[in-house]
Amino acid sequence: MDIRTGLDGLRSLLGVSQPGATSTPAAKSATTKENSPVSSDVATLSSAGSEVAQSAADGGVRMDKVTQIQAALAAGTYNVPASAVASRMVDAMLAGAR
């Protein structure tokens, strides 16, 4: 049985490697200082941030519902039945196995 967390999908969306797969900054700088000049360094940003901003701007968010839930959380009265949480977890795991 293959159980994955939501972090795997997030890592692939953001283009980030697994933890521990990166080398130390000292090791990186030792190899790059001799091989390439600083002027050729390039930074690449993912489009995830702009996609999230665009999604929020599309109006798909029901702000009245968000405000209501935030108020319930702040008051300590927000309650989710454990059976609903368990059901969604099982559904998510079964959907991921397909």
Protein backbone atom coordinates (compact mmCIF):
# COMPACT_ATOMS: atom_id res chain seq x y z
CA MET A 1 0.00 0.00 0.00
CA ASP A 2 1.42 3.35 -1.03
CA ILE A 3 0.40 6.18 1.31
CA ARG A 4 1.58 9.64 0.35
CA THR A 5 1.11 12.95 2.00
CA GLY A 6 -0.12 16.09 0.34
CA LEU A 7 3.44 17.37 0.53
CA ASP A 8 4.50 15.19 -2.41
CA GLY A 9 2.09 17.00 -4.71
CA LEU A 10 3.11 20.38 -3.31
CA ARG A 11 6.79 19.58 -3.85
CA SER A 12 6.16 18.64 -7.47
CA LEU A 13 4.06 21.78 -8.02
CA LEU A 14 6.77 24.01 -6.61
CA GLY A 15 9.61 22.07 -8.21
CA VAL A 16 11.31 21.35 -4.88
CA SER A 17 13.35 18.20 -4.27
CA GLN A 18 13.02 15.88 -1.29
CA PRO A 19 14.44 17.09 2.05
CA GLY A 20 18.07 16.12 2.48
CA ALA A 21 18.63 16.01 -1.27
CA THR A 22 20.31 19.40 -1.34
CA SER A 23 24.00 19.90 -0.88
CA THR A 24 25.53 22.33 1.57
CA PRO A 25 26.08 25.94 0.49
CA ALA A 26 29.83 25.56 1.06
CA ALA A 27 29.97 22.61 -1.32
CA LYS A 28 27.97 24.50 -3.92
CA SER A 29 30.07 27.64 -3.71
CA ALA A 30 33.32 25.68 -3.95
CA THR A 31 32.28 24.20 -7.29
CA THR A 32 30.59 27.24 -8.81
CA LYS A 33 33.19 29.90 -7.97
CA GLU A 34 35.83 28.26 -10.11
CA ASN A 35 33.58 27.13 -12.96
CA SER A 36 31.34 30.10 -13.72
CA PRO A 37 31.33 33.87 -13.28
CA VAL A 38 28.74 35.54 -11.08
CA SER A 39 27.16 37.33 -14.05
CA SER A 40 25.79 34.05 -15.41
CA ASP A 41 23.77 33.18 -12.30
CA VAL A 42 20.06 32.75 -13.00
CA ALA A 43 17.09 32.60 -10.64
CA THR A 44 13.88 30.90 -11.71
CA LEU A 45 10.60 31.47 -9.90
CA SER A 46 7.66 29.13 -10.12
CA SER A 47 4.28 30.34 -11.26
CA ALA A 48 2.54 28.88 -8.19
CA GLY A 49 2.27 32.23 -6.41
CA SER A 50 0.67 34.00 -9.34
CA GLU A 51 -1.69 31.07 -9.90
CA VAL A 52 -2.85 31.23 -6.27
CA ALA A 53 -3.36 34.99 -6.51
CA GLN A 54 -5.31 34.61 -9.74
CA SER A 55 -7.48 31.88 -8.20
CA ALA A 56 -8.34 34.13 -5.25
CA ALA A 57 -9.15 37.02 -7.60
CA ASP A 58 -11.50 34.86 -9.70
CA GLY A 59 -14.22 35.15 -7.06
CA GLY A 60 -14.41 31.44 -6.33
CA VAL A 61 -13.94 32.21 -2.63
CA ARG A 62 -17.10 32.67 -0.60
CA MET A 63 -15.88 35.42 1.70
CA ASP A 64 -19.04 35.33 3.85
CA LYS A 65 -18.36 31.67 4.63
CA VAL A 66 -14.66 32.33 5.26
CA THR A 67 -15.50 35.17 7.66
CA GLN A 68 -18.02 33.00 9.49
CA ILE A 69 -15.50 30.16 9.94
CA GLN A 70 -12.75 32.56 11.05
CA ALA A 71 -15.09 34.00 13.70
CA ALA A 72 -16.00 30.50 14.94
CA LEU A 73 -12.31 29.55 15.10
CA ALA A 74 -11.48 32.70 17.06
CA ALA A 75 -14.36 32.04 19.48
CA GLY A 76 -13.38 28.38 19.86
CA THR A 77 -16.79 27.16 18.69
CA TYR A 78 -15.79 25.66 15.32
CA ASN A 79 -16.45 21.93 15.37
CA VAL A 80 -15.98 19.28 12.70
CA PRO A 81 -17.34 15.77 13.35
CA ALA A 82 -14.55 13.19 13.62
CA SER A 83 -16.49 10.85 11.32
CA ALA A 84 -16.43 13.47 8.56
CA VAL A 85 -12.66 13.90 8.91
CA ALA A 86 -12.10 10.12 8.87
CA SER A 87 -14.36 9.70 5.84
CA ARG A 88 -12.52 12.37 3.85
CA MET A 89 -9.13 10.90 4.81
CA VAL A 90 -10.15 7.43 3.62
CA ASP A 91 -11.61 8.87 0.40
CA ALA A 92 -8.38 10.79 -0.27
CA MET A 93 -6.23 7.72 0.34
CA LEU A 94 -8.38 5.55 -1.93
CA ALA A 95 -8.36 8.18 -4.66
CA GLY A 96 -4.55 8.42 -4.46
CA ALA A 97 -4.17 4.64 -4.86
CA ARG A 98 -5.85 4.70 -8.30
